Amino acid sequence: MTDTPRPRRKRLSRPVHWALDGLGAALFATGAVGVVTPGLPTTVFWIGAVMCFLKTRPHAVRPLLRTPIVGPAIRWYLRWRPFGGSKKRR
């Protein structure tokens, strides 16, 4: 296999950047409320926040991925095949 460089991603416009930041912050806050509220899931909201922040602020994702309980679930979801995960090697 040859290693061809990936094409550069197109920059997001300011309104899209702000919208993704706002949505990510809202999802993160809702997940944080879910930590203390019984019956409200945390992982689902934090996965959505990570998906938003990966486009706008990739450096902000690292603390979420290091969370002991929720971090492994988020990493598993990001490695899932439809989102760019690789095939299992046999």
Protein backbone atom coordinates (compact mmCIF):
# COMPACT_ATOMS: atom_id res chain seq x y z
CA MET A 1 0.00 0.00 0.00
CA THR A 2 1.13 3.50 -0.67
CA ASP A 3 0.69 6.22 1.87
CA THR A 4 -0.95 9.07 0.03
CA PRO A 5 -1.48 12.27 1.97
CA ARG A 6 -5.05 13.06 2.91
CA PRO A 7 -6.61 16.05 1.23
CA ARG A 8 -6.96 19.04 3.54
CA ARG A 9 -10.37 19.59 5.03
CA LYS A 10 -12.31 22.63 4.01
CA ARG A 11 -12.48 25.23 6.77
CA LEU A 12 -15.84 25.73 8.41
CA SER A 13 -17.57 29.07 8.05
CA ARG A 14 -17.95 31.16 11.20
CA PRO A 15 -21.70 30.52 11.65
CA VAL A 16 -21.19 26.76 11.27
CA HIS A 17 -18.24 26.87 13.68
CA TRP A 18 -20.30 28.76 16.26
CA ALA A 19 -23.29 26.46 15.77
CA LEU A 20 -21.16 23.35 16.32
CA ASP A 21 -19.52 24.94 19.37
CA GLY A 22 -22.89 25.87 20.83
CA LEU A 23 -24.38 22.45 20.14
CA GLY A 24 -21.33 20.73 21.60
CA ALA A 25 -21.48 22.87 24.72
CA ALA A 26 -25.21 22.21 25.15
CA LEU A 27 -24.72 18.47 24.71
CA PHE A 28 -21.83 18.46 27.17
CA ALA A 29 -23.84 20.40 29.75
CA THR A 30 -26.82 18.07 29.36
CA GLY A 31 -24.51 15.08 29.84
CA ALA A 32 -23.02 16.72 32.94
CA VAL A 33 -26.51 17.07 34.38
CA GLY A 34 -27.00 13.39 33.57
CA VAL A 35 -24.11 12.51 35.89
CA VAL A 36 -26.13 13.55 38.93
CA THR A 37 -29.68 12.96 37.64
CA PRO A 38 -30.91 9.38 37.78
CA GLY A 39 -32.37 8.14 34.51
CA LEU A 40 -30.72 10.76 32.30
CA PRO A 41 -27.93 9.25 30.20
CA THR A 42 -24.52 10.84 30.09
CA THR A 43 -22.63 8.88 27.45
CA VAL A 44 -25.02 9.62 24.59
CA PHE A 45 -24.81 13.36 25.11
CA TRP A 46 -21.04 13.33 25.54
CA ILE A 47 -20.63 11.31 22.33
CA GLY A 48 -22.60 14.02 20.52
CA ALA A 49 -20.45 16.70 22.12
CA VAL A 50 -17.28 14.90 21.03
CA MET A 51 -18.59 14.66 17.47
CA CYS A 52 -19.19 18.43 17.45
CA PHE A 53 -15.90 19.33 19.13
CA LEU A 54 -13.84 17.12 16.83
CA LYS A 55 -14.74 19.50 14.00
CA THR A 56 -14.16 22.74 15.88
CA ARG A 57 -11.92 22.13 18.92
CA PRO A 58 -10.06 18.82 18.75
CA HIS A 59 -7.94 19.76 21.78
CA ALA A 60 -11.08 19.92 23.94
CA VAL A 61 -11.88 16.26 23.25
CA ARG A 62 -8.88 14.80 25.12
CA PRO A 63 -10.30 15.34 28.67
CA LEU A 64 -13.54 13.62 27.68
CA LEU A 65 -11.69 10.65 26.27
CA ARG A 66 -9.69 10.32 29.51
CA THR A 67 -12.81 10.12 31.69
CA PRO A 68 -12.59 6.67 33.32
CA ILE A 69 -16.21 5.53 32.94
CA VAL A 70 -17.40 7.32 29.80
CA GLY A 71 -14.10 7.61 27.92
CA PRO A 72 -13.88 3.97 26.76
CA ALA A 73 -17.46 4.07 25.43
CA ILE A 74 -16.74 7.24 23.46
CA ARG A 75 -13.52 5.78 22.03
CA TRP A 76 -15.36 2.60 21.04
CA TYR A 77 -18.02 4.64 19.26
CA LEU A 78 -15.45 6.72 17.38
CA ARG A 79 -13.65 3.56 16.22
CA TRP A 80 -16.91 2.09 14.96
CA ARG A 81 -16.69 1.36 11.24
CA PRO A 82 -19.25 3.91 9.83
CA PHE A 83 -17.22 6.73 11.40
CA GLY A 84 -13.87 5.81 9.96
CA GLY A 85 -12.82 2.86 12.10
CA SER A 86 -10.74 0.26 10.38
CA LYS A 87 -11.67 -3.32 9.62
CA LYS A 88 -10.70 -5.93 12.14
CA ARG A 89 -7.51 -7.68 11.16
CA ARG A 90 -7.62 -11.44 11.13
